[in-house]
Every structure is written in structure tokens, then in C-alpha cells.
Protein backbone atom coordinates (compact mmCIF):
# COMPACT_ATOMS: atom_id res chain seq x y z
CA MET A 1 289.96 136.86 49.40
CA LYS A 2 291.32 139.47 46.83
CA MET A 3 294.21 138.62 45.23
CA THR A 4 296.17 138.99 41.51
CA LEU A 5 296.68 136.14 39.35
CA HIS A 6 297.97 135.27 36.18
CA ILE A 7 295.24 133.54 34.51
CA ASP A 8 295.26 132.61 30.45
CA GLU A 9 292.28 134.68 29.50
CA ALA A 10 290.87 132.71 26.58
CA LEU A 11 291.22 129.33 28.81
CA LEU A 12 288.99 131.36 31.61
CA GLU A 13 286.40 132.75 29.00
CA ARG A 14 285.93 129.29 27.66
CA VAL A 15 284.83 127.82 31.07
CA THR A 16 282.97 130.85 32.34
CA ALA A 17 280.87 130.43 28.87
CA ILE A 18 280.61 126.22 28.99
CA TYR A 19 279.61 126.30 32.60
CA GLY A 20 277.71 129.34 32.40
CA CYS A 21 279.61 130.94 35.32
CA GLU A 22 278.03 134.62 36.40
CA SER A 23 281.92 135.90 36.82
CA LYS A 24 285.65 135.40 36.50
CA THR A 25 285.60 134.36 40.34
CA ALA A 26 282.96 132.14 40.39
CA ALA A 27 285.16 130.17 36.91
CA VAL A 28 287.87 129.96 39.07
CA ALA A 29 286.01 129.03 42.35
CA LEU A 30 284.55 126.29 39.84
CA ALA A 31 287.93 124.88 38.50
CA LEU A 32 289.52 125.17 42.21
CA GLY A 33 286.41 123.03 43.62
CA GLU A 34 286.82 120.70 40.63
CA MET A 35 290.48 119.89 41.19
CA GLU A 36 289.57 119.30 44.58
CA ARG A 37 286.72 116.92 43.97
CA ARG A 38 288.79 115.06 41.94
CA HIS A 39 291.92 114.66 44.80
CA SER A 40 289.07 112.86 47.02
CA LEU A 41 287.80 110.70 44.00
CA ARG A 42 291.48 109.52 43.75
CA SER A 43 292.02 109.38 47.22
CA TYR A 44 288.93 106.76 47.15
CA ALA A 45 290.68 104.90 44.84
CA ASP A 46 293.81 104.49 46.04
CA ARG A 47 292.34 103.99 49.90
CA GLY A 48 289.16 101.64 48.60
CA LEU A 49 286.09 101.87 50.32
CA GLY A 50 287.07 99.49 53.27
CA LEU A 51 284.38 96.97 52.11
CA SER A 52 285.15 93.65 51.45
CA ALA A 53 284.48 92.30 48.02
CA SER A 54 280.87 90.45 49.07
CA GLU A 55 280.04 94.12 50.74
CA LEU A 56 280.30 95.70 47.84
CA ARG A 57 278.14 93.29 46.31
CA GLU A 58 275.25 93.64 48.27
CA ALA A 59 275.66 97.49 48.40
CA VAL A 60 274.04 97.76 45.04
CA ASP A 61 270.63 96.82 44.43
CA PRO A 62 270.44 93.98 41.94
CA ALA A 63 267.11 95.40 40.39
CA TYR A 64 268.92 98.57 40.11
CA ASP A 65 269.39 99.78 36.64
CA LEU A 66 272.24 102.79 35.72
CA MET A 67 271.13 103.66 32.38
CA ALA A 68 267.53 103.87 33.12
CA SER A 69 268.46 106.32 36.21
CA ARG A 70 270.66 108.31 33.85
CA TYR A 71 268.46 109.26 30.98
CA GLY A 72 265.31 109.51 33.47
CA THR A 73 263.38 106.32 32.59
CA ALA A 74 263.61 104.58 36.20
CA SER A 75 260.88 105.22 38.53
CA PRO A 76 262.38 107.34 41.60
CA ALA A 77 260.08 106.32 44.06
CA LYS A 78 260.45 102.80 43.58
CA THR A 79 264.24 103.00 43.13
CA ALA A 80 264.29 104.94 46.79
CA SER A 81 262.09 102.19 48.35
CA LYS A 82 264.36 99.19 47.40
CA THR A 83 267.10 101.38 48.14
CA ALA A 84 265.70 102.05 52.02
CA SER A 85 264.73 98.46 52.61
CA LYS A 86 268.06 97.38 51.33
CA SER A 87 270.15 99.43 53.72
CA HIS A 88 268.95 98.44 56.97
CA GLY A 89 271.44 95.73 58.31
CA ARG A 90 274.68 97.31 55.82
CA ARG A 91 277.63 98.31 57.41
CA SER A 92 278.19 102.08 56.37
CA ALA A 93 280.92 103.03 54.33
CA ARG A 94 283.79 104.75 56.45
């Protein structure tokens, strides 16, 4: 859809450069998508996931190492196989 918008040019240029957007349209689409994503996250925070405390505890493999995963030192095959074996019998999130 084509439309005319009044956007802070300096802000648009900064966002385009920071995120490597190929065009102004891509930067605006990225920003709108981010706002939608944030709304969804806030919605989850407000509603919760519909799981009890014990279900939440069971949903995470005790051997899972967030920092190792974040910094690439975790073994993907090992993590994937543990996750697959744990997920059988678990209730799905709503």
C-alpha cells in the first residue's frame, strides 16, 4: 500500500543503518513488526501461558544451559535429543 508519512528522517536513517535495512520501506516494516512482537509478548505476560507452576518446571530440561546456548558452546544435537525425549507427554501451550 502506498501512503505519505511524516517520519523523522534522522531516526529513519539511524534505524536503517543499525539494522542493515535495504530501504526505508524495509525499516518501517521492521519497526511495525517489532511493535507487533512487543504487543504479543506483553499479552503473554498479562495472560500467562496457561500452565501451572509444576508444568512450567517440567517444561524446561534441568540440564539446559541458557548461557552455553546463547554463546554457542552447547551441543545442538545433545540439546535437541533431550528436548525431544522430554516433550512426549507434555501438555501443549495454549
